[in-house]
Protein backbone atom coordinates (compact mmCIF):
# COMPACT_ATOMS: atom_id res chain seq x y z
CA MET A 1 -49.20 64.23 26.15
CA ALA A 2 -49.23 60.92 24.25
CA ARG A 3 -51.85 59.59 26.60
CA ARG A 4 -54.20 62.49 25.88
CA SER A 5 -53.87 62.02 22.10
CA PHE A 6 -54.77 58.33 22.50
CA THR A 7 -57.68 58.98 24.88
CA LEU A 8 -59.47 61.52 22.71
CA PRO A 9 -59.91 59.21 19.67
CA VAL A 10 -61.05 56.35 21.92
CA VAL A 11 -63.63 58.57 23.63
CA ALA A 12 -64.84 59.87 20.25
CA LEU A 13 -65.22 56.29 19.00
CA LEU A 14 -67.19 55.25 22.09
CA VAL A 15 -69.52 58.24 21.75
CA ALA A 16 -70.10 57.39 18.07
CA VAL A 17 -70.92 53.76 18.93
CA LEU A 18 -73.35 54.85 21.65
CA LEU A 19 -75.09 57.29 19.34
CA VAL A 20 -75.56 54.62 16.68
CA GLY A 21 -76.90 52.24 19.33
CA CYS A 22 -79.41 54.85 20.50
CA GLY A 23 -80.60 55.66 16.99
CA ASP A 24 -84.24 55.47 16.03
CA SER A 25 -83.98 52.16 14.16
CA LYS A 26 -87.05 50.85 12.39
CA VAL A 27 -89.00 47.82 13.52
CA ASP A 28 -88.62 44.57 11.59
CA THR A 29 -91.89 44.17 9.69
CA SER A 30 -90.99 40.93 7.92
CA ASN A 31 -92.77 38.72 10.47
CA CYS A 32 -95.83 40.66 11.63
CA ARG A 33 -98.69 39.03 13.52
CA ALA A 34 -101.74 39.07 11.22
CA VAL A 35 -104.95 40.28 12.87
CA ALA A 36 -108.16 39.37 11.06
CA PRO A 37 -110.97 41.92 10.76
CA THR A 38 -113.66 41.59 13.42
CA ALA A 39 -116.24 43.04 10.99
CA PRO A 40 -116.01 44.30 7.40
CA GLY A 41 -113.69 47.32 7.40
CA ARG A 42 -112.98 47.05 11.15
CA THR A 43 -110.15 45.39 13.06
CA GLU A 44 -109.88 45.23 16.84
CA LEU A 45 -106.70 44.35 18.67
CA THR A 46 -105.11 44.63 22.10
CA VAL A 47 -101.61 45.94 22.83
CA THR A 48 -100.24 45.57 26.35
CA ALA A 49 -97.42 47.48 28.02
CA LYS A 50 -95.69 45.35 30.64
CA ASN A 51 -92.15 45.37 32.03
CA LEU A 52 -91.37 48.51 29.99
CA SER A 53 -92.14 46.86 26.65
CA PHE A 54 -95.07 46.22 24.33
CA ASP A 55 -96.29 42.64 24.04
CA VAL A 56 -96.34 42.96 20.25
CA GLU A 57 -93.86 44.65 17.93
CA CYS A 58 -95.68 44.37 14.62
CA VAL A 59 -99.25 43.67 13.53
CA LYS A 60 -100.66 43.37 10.02
CA VAL A 61 -104.22 44.53 9.38
CA LYS A 62 -106.57 45.24 6.48
CA PRO A 63 -107.32 48.88 5.56
CA GLY A 64 -110.14 50.48 7.50
CA THR A 65 -110.94 51.31 11.09
CA VAL A 66 -108.47 49.90 13.60
CA VAL A 67 -109.55 49.89 17.24
CA VAL A 68 -106.66 49.41 19.66
CA LYS A 69 -107.36 48.47 23.25
CA PHE A 70 -104.23 49.66 25.05
CA VAL A 71 -103.55 48.02 28.42
CA ASN A 72 -100.85 49.41 30.71
CA GLU A 73 -99.95 46.70 33.24
CA ASP A 74 -96.88 48.52 34.61
CA LYS A 75 -97.97 49.64 38.07
CA GLU A 76 -97.23 53.34 38.64
CA VAL A 77 -95.35 53.66 35.32
CA ALA A 78 -96.78 56.08 32.76
CA HIS A 79 -97.19 54.80 29.20
CA ASN A 80 -99.14 55.76 26.13
CA PHE A 81 -99.79 54.18 22.74
CA HIS A 82 -98.91 56.74 20.07
CA VAL A 83 -99.36 55.95 16.38
CA VAL A 84 -97.17 58.56 14.72
CA ASP A 85 -99.20 61.18 12.81
CA GLU A 86 -102.46 59.29 13.49
CA GLY A 87 -103.37 59.50 17.16
CA SER A 88 -102.46 58.67 20.73
CA THR A 89 -103.89 57.51 24.00
CA LYS A 90 -103.28 59.67 27.06
CA LEU A 91 -100.07 59.22 29.03
CA THR A 92 -101.28 57.51 32.21
CA ARG A 93 -99.83 55.40 34.99
CA GLY A 94 -100.75 51.77 35.20
CA PRO A 95 -102.71 49.81 35.72
CA ASP A 96 -104.92 51.41 33.10
CA GLU A 97 -106.88 50.63 29.92
CA GLN A 98 -107.73 52.97 27.06
CA THR A 99 -109.11 52.65 23.56
CA LEU A 100 -107.74 54.36 20.46
CA THR A 101 -109.76 54.33 17.22
CA LEU A 102 -107.80 54.95 14.02
CA LYS A 103 -108.81 55.33 10.37
CA LEU A 104 -106.00 53.54 8.51
CA THR A 105 -107.36 53.37 4.97
CA GLU A 106 -104.06 53.82 3.13
CA LYS A 107 -101.76 50.82 2.73
CA GLY A 108 -98.39 51.29 4.39
CA THR A 109 -96.53 51.10 7.67
CA TYR A 110 -97.67 53.14 10.66
CA ASP A 111 -95.10 53.34 13.45
CA PHE A 112 -96.21 53.31 17.07
CA LYS A 113 -94.33 54.13 20.25
CA CYS A 114 -94.55 55.04 23.91
CA ASP A 115 -93.51 58.69 24.09
CA PRO A 116 -91.47 58.58 27.33
CA HIS A 117 -89.81 55.22 26.56
CA PRO A 118 -87.98 55.20 23.17
CA ASN A 119 -87.25 51.47 23.38
CA MET A 120 -91.00 50.78 23.29
CA LYS A 121 -91.90 50.86 19.61
CA GLY A 122 -93.58 48.87 16.91
CA ALA A 123 -95.49 49.04 13.65
CA ILE A 124 -98.95 48.50 12.24
CA VAL A 125 -98.71 47.31 8.64
CA VAL A 126 -101.83 47.98 6.58
CA ALA A 127 -101.90 45.64 3.59
């Protein structure tokens, strides 16, 4: 009986630690890669999915049209580039390339992710 009473709190603690570790933590935006506009009001950038991760976690752009060339280099693994509440590429297996055009005119942080892989996330900071 004593063993059961000890095991239950330990299991509960482990579950709590795992849930915190799996939480949807925000991306660190303190050291974003600045991407200069390619034309007035237009910024073009490339984001690559490879080895189940994005090659960039945070980019900083000027307000306006942002054109993202999304490259999936993971052979036979499906990825997408989804900017929350703004738009998404299709979920396709690699190798593949797609383009996503966004109108990001409001300053702020726009989170992006790969829908089937929660560890693949990042942010576009419009400043």
